[in-house]
């Protein structure tokens, strides 16, 4: 597993239906941001989120975990999937080069 998908992102999403991804709902949907952060840190996972709280937190703490902050706005599910699918290879590659990422 490499990526922990935050609760603010869709659960039923084909892009992250593989062994590389785990959704917060699969672990504990009642976890606070601090609990999600700690789980990701302990398991060397990259948090994928639309929540600015995680990208703000990483300004004050050293990775791990790494954070991919998706700043895409509100889109229909099909449009969200199309945007993310087109960008995911670049997003995944860049997470190896930098300690944290914000993508628009």
C-alpha atoms as a PDB file:
ATOM      1  CA  UNK A   1       0.000   0.000   0.000  1.00  0.00           C
ATOM      2  CA  UNK A   2       1.297   3.475  -0.927  1.00  0.00           C
ATOM      3  CA  UNK A   3      -1.634   5.873  -0.696  1.00  0.00           C
ATOM      4  CA  UNK A   4      -4.239   6.632   1.946  1.00  0.00           C
ATOM      5  CA  UNK A   5      -7.342   8.233   0.429  1.00  0.00           C
ATOM      6  CA  UNK A   6      -9.009  10.753   2.721  1.00  0.00           C
ATOM      7  CA  UNK A   7     -12.702  10.572   3.609  1.00  0.00           C
ATOM      8  CA  UNK A   8     -13.464  13.706   1.571  1.00  0.00           C
ATOM      9  CA  UNK A   9     -12.720  11.831  -1.662  1.00  0.00           C
ATOM     10  CA  UNK A  10     -15.041   9.278  -3.265  1.00  0.00           C
ATOM     11  CA  UNK A  11     -14.867   5.726  -2.007  1.00  0.00           C
ATOM     12  CA  UNK A  12     -16.160   4.062  -5.166  1.00  0.00           C
ATOM     13  CA  UNK A  13     -13.555   5.324  -7.602  1.00  0.00           C
ATOM     14  CA  UNK A  14     -11.908   2.971 -10.066  1.00  0.00           C
ATOM     15  CA  UNK A  15      -8.561   4.783 -10.080  1.00  0.00           C
ATOM     16  CA  UNK A  16      -7.784   3.688  -6.539  1.00  0.00           C
ATOM     17  CA  UNK A  17      -9.232   0.209  -6.544  1.00  0.00           C
ATOM     18  CA  UNK A  18      -5.903  -1.599  -6.310  1.00  0.00           C
ATOM     19  CA  UNK A  19      -3.568  -2.823  -3.606  1.00  0.00           C
ATOM     20  CA  UNK A  20      -1.656   0.498  -3.719  1.00  0.00           C
ATOM     21  CA  UNK A  21      -4.614   2.390  -2.245  1.00  0.00           C
ATOM     22  CA  UNK A  22      -6.541   2.286   0.991  1.00  0.00           C
ATOM     23  CA  UNK A  23      -9.491   4.531   1.773  1.00  0.00           C
ATOM     24  CA  UNK A  24     -10.036   5.911   5.269  1.00  0.00           C
ATOM     25  CA  UNK A  25     -13.472   4.225   5.198  1.00  0.00           C
ATOM     26  CA  UNK A  26     -11.682   0.855   5.033  1.00  0.00           C
ATOM     27  CA  UNK A  27      -9.839   1.652   8.257  1.00  0.00           C
ATOM     28  CA  UNK A  28     -12.047   3.796  10.475  1.00  0.00           C
ATOM     29  CA  UNK A  29     -14.391   6.409   9.056  1.00  0.00           C
ATOM     30  CA  UNK A  30     -14.567   8.210  12.423  1.00  0.00           C
ATOM     31  CA  UNK A  31     -10.842   8.993  12.608  1.00  0.00           C
ATOM     32  CA  UNK A  32      -9.808  12.584  13.145  1.00  0.00           C
ATOM     33  CA  UNK A  33      -7.257  14.245  10.876  1.00  0.00           C
ATOM     34  CA  UNK A  34      -4.635  13.611  13.575  1.00  0.00           C
ATOM     35  CA  UNK A  35      -5.416   9.888  13.617  1.00  0.00           C
ATOM     36  CA  UNK A  36      -5.287   9.699   9.820  1.00  0.00           C
ATOM     37  CA  UNK A  37      -1.986  11.588   9.856  1.00  0.00           C
ATOM     38  CA  UNK A  38      -0.475   9.279  12.464  1.00  0.00           C
ATOM     39  CA  UNK A  39      -1.597   6.110  10.662  1.00  0.00           C
ATOM     40  CA  UNK A  40      -0.123   7.379   7.386  1.00  0.00           C
ATOM     41  CA  UNK A  41       3.130   8.347   9.146  1.00  0.00           C
ATOM     42  CA  UNK A  42       3.477   4.975  10.886  1.00  0.00           C
ATOM     43  CA  UNK A  43       2.799   3.074   7.662  1.00  0.00           C
ATOM     44  CA  UNK A  44       4.779   5.355   5.315  1.00  0.00           C
ATOM     45  CA  UNK A  45       1.689   6.227   3.258  1.00  0.00           C
ATOM     46  CA  UNK A  46       1.014   9.307   1.177  1.00  0.00           C
ATOM     47  CA  UNK A  47      -2.269  11.006   2.082  1.00  0.00           C
ATOM     48  CA  UNK A  48      -4.415  11.963  -0.921  1.00  0.00           C
ATOM     49  CA  UNK A  49      -6.925  14.635   0.050  1.00  0.00           C
ATOM     50  CA  UNK A  50      -8.925  17.717  -0.892  1.00  0.00           C
ATOM     51  CA  UNK A  51      -8.548  18.952   2.704  1.00  0.00           C
ATOM     52  CA  UNK A  52      -6.221  21.932   3.158  1.00  0.00           C
ATOM     53  CA  UNK A  53      -5.701  20.918   6.803  1.00  0.00           C
ATOM     54  CA  UNK A  54      -3.217  18.229   5.756  1.00  0.00           C
ATOM     55  CA  UNK A  55      -1.186  20.496   3.484  1.00  0.00           C
ATOM     56  CA  UNK A  56      -1.179  23.137   6.229  1.00  0.00           C
ATOM     57  CA  UNK A  57      -0.005  20.571   8.783  1.00  0.00           C
ATOM     58  CA  UNK A  58       2.937  19.506   6.652  1.00  0.00           C
ATOM     59  CA  UNK A  59       4.258  23.072   6.763  1.00  0.00           C
ATOM     60  CA  UNK A  60       5.029  22.490  10.441  1.00  0.00           C
ATOM     61  CA  UNK A  61       6.050  18.825  10.412  1.00  0.00           C
ATOM     62  CA  UNK A  62       8.649  16.868   8.484  1.00  0.00           C
ATOM     63  CA  UNK A  63       7.412  14.042   6.264  1.00  0.00           C
ATOM     64  CA  UNK A  64       6.381  11.307   6.537  1.00  0.00           C
ATOM     65  CA  UNK A  65       3.626  11.309   5.721  1.00  0.00           C
ATOM     66  CA  UNK A  66       3.666  12.969   2.354  1.00  0.00           C
ATOM     67  CA  UNK A  67       0.521  14.770   1.222  1.00  0.00           C
ATOM     68  CA  UNK A  68      -1.041  15.121  -2.196  1.00  0.00           C
ATOM     69  CA  UNK A  69      -3.526  17.967  -1.921  1.00  0.00           C
ATOM     70  CA  UNK A  70      -5.955  17.897  -4.837  1.00  0.00           C
ATOM     71  CA  UNK A  71      -7.090  21.447  -5.457  1.00  0.00           C
ATOM     72  CA  UNK A  72      -9.505  20.706  -8.247  1.00  0.00           C
ATOM     73  CA  UNK A  73     -12.694  22.346  -6.976  1.00  0.00           C
ATOM     74  CA  UNK A  74     -16.153  20.877  -7.206  1.00  0.00           C
ATOM     75  CA  UNK A  75     -16.617  18.792 -10.320  1.00  0.00           C
ATOM     76  CA  UNK A  76     -19.087  16.205 -11.467  1.00  0.00           C
ATOM     77  CA  UNK A  77     -17.737  12.733 -10.696  1.00  0.00           C
ATOM     78  CA  UNK A  78     -17.024  11.988 -14.366  1.00  0.00           C
ATOM     79  CA  UNK A  79     -15.079  15.248 -14.797  1.00  0.00           C
ATOM     80  CA  UNK A  80     -13.196  14.645 -11.532  1.00  0.00           C
ATOM     81  CA  UNK A  81     -12.221  11.170 -12.713  1.00  0.00           C
ATOM     82  CA  UNK A  82     -11.104  12.464 -16.137  1.00  0.00           C
ATOM     83  CA  UNK A  83      -8.916  15.190 -14.624  1.00  0.00           C
ATOM     84  CA  UNK A  84      -7.358  12.887 -12.050  1.00  0.00           C
ATOM     85  CA  UNK A  85      -6.816  10.021 -14.477  1.00  0.00           C
ATOM     86  CA  UNK A  86      -4.948  12.321 -16.882  1.00  0.00           C
ATOM     87  CA  UNK A  87      -2.749  13.704 -14.096  1.00  0.00           C
ATOM     88  CA  UNK A  88      -2.213  10.623 -11.905  1.00  0.00           C
ATOM     89  CA  UNK A  89       0.949   9.310 -13.604  1.00  0.00           C
ATOM     90  CA  UNK A  90       2.615  12.706 -13.158  1.00  0.00           C
ATOM     91  CA  UNK A  91       1.323  13.014  -9.592  1.00  0.00           C
ATOM     92  CA  UNK A  92       2.624   9.587  -8.649  1.00  0.00           C
ATOM     93  CA  UNK A  93       6.021  10.227 -10.263  1.00  0.00           C
ATOM     94  CA  UNK A  94       6.469  13.580  -8.570  1.00  0.00           C
ATOM     95  CA  UNK A  95       5.758  12.229  -5.095  1.00  0.00           C
ATOM     96  CA  UNK A  96       9.092  10.398  -5.291  1.00  0.00           C
ATOM     97  CA  UNK A  97      10.979  13.630  -6.032  1.00  0.00           C
ATOM     98  CA  UNK A  98       9.512  15.986  -3.477  1.00  0.00           C
ATOM     99  CA  UNK A  99       8.482  15.780   0.133  1.00  0.00           C
ATOM    100  CA  UNK A 100       4.960  17.082  -0.372  1.00  0.00           C
ATOM    101  CA  UNK A 101       2.774  18.183  -3.227  1.00  0.00           C
ATOM    102  CA  UNK A 102      -0.110  20.446  -4.064  1.00  0.00           C
ATOM    103  CA  UNK A 103      -1.709  19.957  -7.454  1.00  0.00           C
ATOM    104  CA  UNK A 104      -4.265  22.128  -9.174  1.00  0.00           C
END
